[in-house]
C-alpha atoms as a PDB file:
ATOM      1  CA  UNK A   1       0.000   0.000   0.000  1.00  0.00           C
ATOM      2  CA  UNK A   2       1.242   3.460  -0.916  1.00  0.00           C
ATOM      3  CA  UNK A   3       1.247   6.240   1.654  1.00  0.00           C
ATOM      4  CA  UNK A   4       0.847   9.959   1.095  1.00  0.00           C
ATOM      5  CA  UNK A   5       4.596  10.506   0.839  1.00  0.00           C
ATOM      6  CA  UNK A   6       5.183   7.948  -1.918  1.00  0.00           C
ATOM      7  CA  UNK A   7       6.385   9.750  -5.057  1.00  0.00           C
ATOM      8  CA  UNK A   8       4.422   9.172  -8.242  1.00  0.00           C
ATOM      9  CA  UNK A   9       6.534   9.252 -11.409  1.00  0.00           C
ATOM     10  CA  UNK A  10       5.459   9.115 -15.043  1.00  0.00           C
ATOM     11  CA  UNK A  11       8.238   7.414 -17.003  1.00  0.00           C
ATOM     12  CA  UNK A  12       7.739   9.668 -19.999  1.00  0.00           C
ATOM     13  CA  UNK A  13       8.445  13.198 -21.158  1.00  0.00           C
ATOM     14  CA  UNK A  14       5.433  13.116 -23.505  1.00  0.00           C
ATOM     15  CA  UNK A  15       3.301  16.242 -23.227  1.00  0.00           C
ATOM     16  CA  UNK A  16       0.284  14.143 -24.199  1.00  0.00           C
ATOM     17  CA  UNK A  17       0.710  11.574 -21.426  1.00  0.00           C
ATOM     18  CA  UNK A  18       1.647  14.261 -18.920  1.00  0.00           C
ATOM     19  CA  UNK A  19      -1.493  16.177 -19.811  1.00  0.00           C
ATOM     20  CA  UNK A  20      -3.624  13.072 -19.435  1.00  0.00           C
ATOM     21  CA  UNK A  21      -2.200  12.141 -16.029  1.00  0.00           C
ATOM     22  CA  UNK A  22      -2.675  15.721 -14.827  1.00  0.00           C
ATOM     23  CA  UNK A  23      -6.439  15.188 -15.258  1.00  0.00           C
ATOM     24  CA  UNK A  24      -6.197  12.772 -12.321  1.00  0.00           C
ATOM     25  CA  UNK A  25      -3.483  14.422 -10.217  1.00  0.00           C
ATOM     26  CA  UNK A  26      -0.809  17.084 -10.455  1.00  0.00           C
ATOM     27  CA  UNK A  27       1.266  15.411  -7.719  1.00  0.00           C
ATOM     28  CA  UNK A  28       3.663  13.607 -10.039  1.00  0.00           C
ATOM     29  CA  UNK A  29       6.937  14.165 -11.826  1.00  0.00           C
ATOM     30  CA  UNK A  30       8.014  13.151 -15.302  1.00  0.00           C
ATOM     31  CA  UNK A  31      11.308  11.349 -15.842  1.00  0.00           C
ATOM     32  CA  UNK A  32      12.675  10.275 -19.216  1.00  0.00           C
ATOM     33  CA  UNK A  33      13.074   6.493 -19.444  1.00  0.00           C
ATOM     34  CA  UNK A  34      16.322   4.994 -20.686  1.00  0.00           C
ATOM     35  CA  UNK A  35      15.101   2.041 -22.709  1.00  0.00           C
ATOM     36  CA  UNK A  36      15.649   0.811 -26.257  1.00  0.00           C
ATOM     37  CA  UNK A  37      12.277   0.876 -28.028  1.00  0.00           C
ATOM     38  CA  UNK A  38      13.379  -1.062 -31.103  1.00  0.00           C
ATOM     39  CA  UNK A  39      10.874  -3.812 -31.941  1.00  0.00           C
ATOM     40  CA  UNK A  40      12.177  -7.352 -31.840  1.00  0.00           C
ATOM     41  CA  UNK A  41      12.015  -9.442 -35.041  1.00  0.00           C
ATOM     42  CA  UNK A  42       8.442 -10.589 -35.729  1.00  0.00           C
ATOM     43  CA  UNK A  43       7.192  -9.025 -32.468  1.00  0.00           C
ATOM     44  CA  UNK A  44       3.423  -8.629 -32.575  1.00  0.00           C
ATOM     45  CA  UNK A  45       1.952  -5.182 -31.732  1.00  0.00           C
ATOM     46  CA  UNK A  46       0.236  -6.214 -28.482  1.00  0.00           C
ATOM     47  CA  UNK A  47       3.364  -7.781 -27.010  1.00  0.00           C
ATOM     48  CA  UNK A  48       5.541  -4.884 -28.180  1.00  0.00           C
ATOM     49  CA  UNK A  49       3.302  -2.388 -26.373  1.00  0.00           C
ATOM     50  CA  UNK A  50       3.451  -4.460 -23.173  1.00  0.00           C
ATOM     51  CA  UNK A  51       7.232  -4.890 -23.311  1.00  0.00           C
ATOM     52  CA  UNK A  52       7.866  -1.197 -23.949  1.00  0.00           C
ATOM     53  CA  UNK A  53       5.565  -0.037 -21.143  1.00  0.00           C
ATOM     54  CA  UNK A  54       7.228  -2.367 -18.629  1.00  0.00           C
ATOM     55  CA  UNK A  55      10.710  -1.550 -19.898  1.00  0.00           C
ATOM     56  CA  UNK A  56      10.165   2.192 -19.564  1.00  0.00           C
ATOM     57  CA  UNK A  57       8.753   1.835 -16.057  1.00  0.00           C
ATOM     58  CA  UNK A  58      11.577  -0.469 -14.973  1.00  0.00           C
ATOM     59  CA  UNK A  59      14.292   1.844 -16.266  1.00  0.00           C
ATOM     60  CA  UNK A  60      12.997   4.690 -14.095  1.00  0.00           C
ATOM     61  CA  UNK A  61      12.026   2.504 -11.105  1.00  0.00           C
ATOM     62  CA  UNK A  62      15.590   1.171 -10.917  1.00  0.00           C
ATOM     63  CA  UNK A  63      16.717   4.702 -10.006  1.00  0.00           C
ATOM     64  CA  UNK A  64      13.669   5.527  -7.843  1.00  0.00           C
ATOM     65  CA  UNK A  65      12.856   2.281  -5.963  1.00  0.00           C
ATOM     66  CA  UNK A  66      10.482   3.909  -3.436  1.00  0.00           C
ATOM     67  CA  UNK A  67       8.378   5.618  -6.106  1.00  0.00           C
ATOM     68  CA  UNK A  68       5.306   4.274  -7.853  1.00  0.00           C
ATOM     69  CA  UNK A  69       6.355   4.507 -11.498  1.00  0.00           C
ATOM     70  CA  UNK A  70       3.959   4.554 -14.449  1.00  0.00           C
ATOM     71  CA  UNK A  71       5.281   3.368 -17.791  1.00  0.00           C
ATOM     72  CA  UNK A  72       3.139   3.471 -20.898  1.00  0.00           C
ATOM     73  CA  UNK A  73       3.466   2.873 -24.603  1.00  0.00           C
ATOM     74  CA  UNK A  74       1.146   2.712 -27.564  1.00  0.00           C
ATOM     75  CA  UNK A  75       1.548   0.645 -30.708  1.00  0.00           C
ATOM     76  CA  UNK A  76      -0.669   1.160 -33.754  1.00  0.00           C
ATOM     77  CA  UNK A  77      -1.251  -1.647 -36.209  1.00  0.00           C
ATOM     78  CA  UNK A  78      -2.869  -1.965 -39.627  1.00  0.00           C
ATOM     79  CA  UNK A  79      -3.676  -5.585 -40.444  1.00  0.00           C
ATOM     80  CA  UNK A  80      -0.861  -6.748 -38.139  1.00  0.00           C
ATOM     81  CA  UNK A  81       1.812  -4.357 -39.428  1.00  0.00           C
ATOM     82  CA  UNK A  82       3.232  -1.919 -36.885  1.00  0.00           C
ATOM     83  CA  UNK A  83       2.781   1.762 -37.724  1.00  0.00           C
ATOM     84  CA  UNK A  84       5.272   4.427 -36.737  1.00  0.00           C
ATOM     85  CA  UNK A  85       4.905   8.165 -36.240  1.00  0.00           C
ATOM     86  CA  UNK A  86       4.920   9.793 -39.679  1.00  0.00           C
ATOM     87  CA  UNK A  87       7.348  12.626 -38.950  1.00  0.00           C
ATOM     88  CA  UNK A  88       6.600  14.426 -42.235  1.00  0.00           C
ATOM     89  CA  UNK A  89       3.576  15.595 -44.189  1.00  0.00           C
ATOM     90  CA  UNK A  90       4.372  13.203 -47.028  1.00  0.00           C
ATOM     91  CA  UNK A  91       4.579  10.175 -44.736  1.00  0.00           C
ATOM     92  CA  UNK A  92       1.336  11.184 -43.005  1.00  0.00           C
ATOM     93  CA  UNK A  93      -0.442  11.446 -46.374  1.00  0.00           C
ATOM     94  CA  UNK A  94       0.656   7.928 -47.295  1.00  0.00           C
ATOM     95  CA  UNK A  95      -0.317   6.586 -43.876  1.00  0.00           C
ATOM     96  CA  UNK A  96      -3.821   8.047 -44.001  1.00  0.00           C
ATOM     97  CA  UNK A  97      -4.311   6.895 -47.596  1.00  0.00           C
ATOM     98  CA  UNK A  98      -3.566   3.354 -46.450  1.00  0.00           C
ATOM     99  CA  UNK A  99      -6.261   3.673 -43.746  1.00  0.00           C
ATOM    100  CA  UNK A 100      -9.069   4.677 -46.121  1.00  0.00           C
ATOM    101  CA  UNK A 101     -12.062   2.394 -45.538  1.00  0.00           C
ATOM    102  CA  UNK A 102     -10.075   0.232 -43.093  1.00  0.00           C
ATOM    103  CA  UNK A 103      -9.684  -0.218 -39.332  1.00  0.00           C
ATOM    104  CA  UNK A 104      -6.516   0.433 -37.323  1.00  0.00           C
ATOM    105  CA  UNK A 105      -5.836  -1.197 -33.953  1.00  0.00           C
ATOM    106  CA  UNK A 106      -4.207   0.743 -31.114  1.00  0.00           C
ATOM    107  CA  UNK A 107      -2.724  -1.107 -28.139  1.00  0.00           C
ATOM    108  CA  UNK A 108      -1.965   1.160 -25.180  1.00  0.00           C
ATOM    109  CA  UNK A 109      -0.144  -0.649 -22.395  1.00  0.00           C
ATOM    110  CA  UNK A 110       0.532   0.581 -18.879  1.00  0.00           C
ATOM    111  CA  UNK A 111       2.868  -0.849 -16.244  1.00  0.00           C
ATOM    112  CA  UNK A 112       2.941   0.349 -12.614  1.00  0.00           C
ATOM    113  CA  UNK A 113       6.110  -0.641 -10.806  1.00  0.00           C
ATOM    114  CA  UNK A 114       7.483  -0.028  -7.323  1.00  0.00           C
ATOM    115  CA  UNK A 115      10.772  -1.813  -6.696  1.00  0.00           C
ATOM    116  CA  UNK A 116      10.760  -1.448  -2.916  1.00  0.00           C
ATOM    117  CA  UNK A 117       7.888  -3.910  -2.472  1.00  0.00           C
ATOM    118  CA  UNK A 118       7.956  -5.688  -5.862  1.00  0.00           C
ATOM    119  CA  UNK A 119       4.715  -4.103  -7.054  1.00  0.00           C
ATOM    120  CA  UNK A 120       3.971  -4.843 -10.712  1.00  0.00           C
ATOM    121  CA  UNK A 121       0.539  -4.149 -12.216  1.00  0.00           C
ATOM    122  CA  UNK A 122      -0.013  -4.278 -15.976  1.00  0.00           C
ATOM    123  CA  UNK A 123      -2.884  -3.469 -18.307  1.00  0.00           C
ATOM    124  CA  UNK A 124      -3.432  -3.113 -22.041  1.00  0.00           C
ATOM    125  CA  UNK A 125      -6.241  -1.091 -23.570  1.00  0.00           C
ATOM    126  CA  UNK A 126      -7.346  -1.971 -27.112  1.00  0.00           C
ATOM    127  CA  UNK A 127      -9.043   0.568 -29.364  1.00  0.00           C
ATOM    128  CA  UNK A 128     -10.111   0.003 -32.971  1.00  0.00           C
ATOM    129  CA  UNK A 129     -10.466   3.086 -35.163  1.00  0.00           C
ATOM    130  CA  UNK A 130     -12.396   2.589 -38.409  1.00  0.00           C
ATOM    131  CA  UNK A 131     -11.921   5.199 -41.121  1.00  0.00           C
ATOM    132  CA  UNK A 132     -14.212   6.652 -43.735  1.00  0.00           C
ATOM    133  CA  UNK A 133     -13.271   6.503 -47.382  1.00  0.00           C
ATOM    134  CA  UNK A 134     -10.715   9.308 -47.344  1.00  0.00           C
ATOM    135  CA  UNK A 135     -10.302  11.621 -50.317  1.00  0.00           C
ATOM    136  CA  UNK A 136      -6.961  13.230 -51.109  1.00  0.00           C
ATOM    137  CA  UNK A 137      -8.525  16.626 -50.364  1.00  0.00           C
ATOM    138  CA  UNK A 138      -9.766  15.544 -46.937  1.00  0.00           C
ATOM    139  CA  UNK A 139      -6.392  14.044 -46.005  1.00  0.00           C
ATOM    140  CA  UNK A 140      -4.400  17.077 -47.166  1.00  0.00           C
ATOM    141  CA  UNK A 141      -6.781  19.555 -45.553  1.00  0.00           C
ATOM    142  CA  UNK A 142      -6.795  17.716 -42.247  1.00  0.00           C
ATOM    143  CA  UNK A 143      -3.017  17.365 -42.076  1.00  0.00           C
ATOM    144  CA  UNK A 144      -2.422  21.034 -42.872  1.00  0.00           C
ATOM    145  CA  UNK A 145      -4.920  22.056 -40.191  1.00  0.00           C
ATOM    146  CA  UNK A 146      -3.667  19.855 -37.348  1.00  0.00           C
ATOM    147  CA  UNK A 147      -0.109  18.749 -38.331  1.00  0.00           C
ATOM    148  CA  UNK A 148      -0.191  15.494 -36.288  1.00  0.00           C
ATOM    149  CA  UNK A 149       3.246  14.367 -37.456  1.00  0.00           C
ATOM    150  CA  UNK A 150       4.356  13.246 -33.984  1.00  0.00           C
ATOM    151  CA  UNK A 151       1.315  10.971 -33.543  1.00  0.00           C
ATOM    152  CA  UNK A 152       1.113   7.297 -34.441  1.00  0.00           C
ATOM    153  CA  UNK A 153      -1.629   7.016 -37.041  1.00  0.00           C
ATOM    154  CA  UNK A 154      -1.199  10.604 -38.288  1.00  0.00           C
ATOM    155  CA  UNK A 155      -4.211  11.998 -36.398  1.00  0.00           C
ATOM    156  CA  UNK A 156      -5.311  13.401 -33.043  1.00  0.00           C
ATOM    157  CA  UNK A 157      -8.533  11.831 -31.838  1.00  0.00           C
ATOM    158  CA  UNK A 158      -8.913  14.580 -29.246  1.00  0.00           C
ATOM    159  CA  UNK A 159      -8.877  17.136 -32.054  1.00  0.00           C
ATOM    160  CA  UNK A 160     -10.099  17.233 -35.638  1.00  0.00           C
ATOM    161  CA  UNK A 161      -9.066  13.651 -36.293  1.00  0.00           C
ATOM    162  CA  UNK A 162     -12.712  12.731 -35.773  1.00  0.00           C
ATOM    163  CA  UNK A 163     -13.491  14.033 -39.290  1.00  0.00           C
ATOM    164  CA  UNK A 164     -11.595  11.004 -40.619  1.00  0.00           C
ATOM    165  CA  UNK A 165     -13.478   8.349 -38.644  1.00  0.00           C
ATOM    166  CA  UNK A 166     -16.463   6.169 -39.418  1.00  0.00           C
ATOM    167  CA  UNK A 167     -16.549   4.819 -35.851  1.00  0.00           C
ATOM    168  CA  UNK A 168     -14.399   3.865 -32.879  1.00  0.00           C
ATOM    169  CA  UNK A 169     -14.675   0.714 -30.774  1.00  0.00           C
ATOM    170  CA  UNK A 170     -13.212   1.486 -27.344  1.00  0.00           C
ATOM    171  CA  UNK A 171     -13.583   0.886 -23.627  1.00  0.00           C
ATOM    172  CA  UNK A 172     -11.761   4.079 -22.671  1.00  0.00           C
ATOM    173  CA  UNK A 173     -11.451   7.098 -25.009  1.00  0.00           C
ATOM    174  CA  UNK A 174      -8.291   8.264 -23.235  1.00  0.00           C
ATOM    175  CA  UNK A 175      -6.568   5.006 -24.149  1.00  0.00           C
ATOM    176  CA  UNK A 176      -6.454   6.149 -27.763  1.00  0.00           C
ATOM    177  CA  UNK A 177      -4.810   9.427 -26.735  1.00  0.00           C
ATOM    178  CA  UNK A 178      -2.090   7.502 -24.912  1.00  0.00           C
ATOM    179  CA  UNK A 179      -2.991   6.710 -21.286  1.00  0.00           C
ATOM    180  CA  UNK A 180      -6.178   4.821 -20.261  1.00  0.00           C
ATOM    181  CA  UNK A 181      -7.378   6.940 -17.359  1.00  0.00           C
ATOM    182  CA  UNK A 182     -10.410   4.867 -16.370  1.00  0.00           C
ATOM    183  CA  UNK A 183      -8.206   1.884 -15.521  1.00  0.00           C
ATOM    184  CA  UNK A 184      -5.408   4.046 -14.138  1.00  0.00           C
ATOM    185  CA  UNK A 185      -7.728   5.965 -11.796  1.00  0.00           C
ATOM    186  CA  UNK A 186      -8.905   2.706 -10.271  1.00  0.00           C
ATOM    187  CA  UNK A 187      -5.470   1.190  -9.781  1.00  0.00           C
ATOM    188  CA  UNK A 188      -3.974   4.400  -8.368  1.00  0.00           C
ATOM    189  CA  UNK A 189      -6.852   4.612  -5.887  1.00  0.00           C
ATOM    190  CA  UNK A 190      -6.330   0.962  -4.952  1.00  0.00           C
ATOM    191  CA  UNK A 191      -2.682   1.790  -4.256  1.00  0.00           C
ATOM    192  CA  UNK A 192      -3.451   4.618  -1.882  1.00  0.00           C
ATOM    193  CA  UNK A 193      -3.213   7.618  -4.203  1.00  0.00           C
ATOM    194  CA  UNK A 194      -5.968  10.057  -3.199  1.00  0.00           C
ATOM    195  CA  UNK A 195      -7.134  11.559  -6.493  1.00  0.00           C
ATOM    196  CA  UNK A 196      -9.802  13.712  -4.849  1.00  0.00           C
ATOM    197  CA  UNK A 197      -7.694  15.532  -2.270  1.00  0.00           C
END
């Protein structure tokens, strides 16, 4: 059980994940993980997301054994192929063209680790995003408006990305953004973090 003095650390410098966690509490710090995120040969998306989340959390927990450390990672997949962040407008155009009329799976894994008492709690949220038939004009207009080049899938679901969707199958809308808060709120509460104080 965590007490009120237990530090809470997010093993990420992502502004998106930091913003999500701050919806639950501002009593946390962000520390950059030191972990190689290279996929292993033939690693499937679900297992990659789980391994990366645990690896990130472990790398920070090793240096902060008394803290409750949250590691998280998201892997996007189209028909089993792992999708990266586009980085450029041209790559984003090609990515969104490949999604037209299809569904993309997003696996968002979370690992909570505290070394001092061997706490390890893991969870993976699965979201399926199904896209409309996307015209070149819609893709180009959307990308120029929102420039989501640092986002896996080349869209922001919390923004105008919704203009691209036919429907979403999800248990937790924040899982798609990068940190499933419904699950996380429950497990933090169970571990003594008072989210309402």
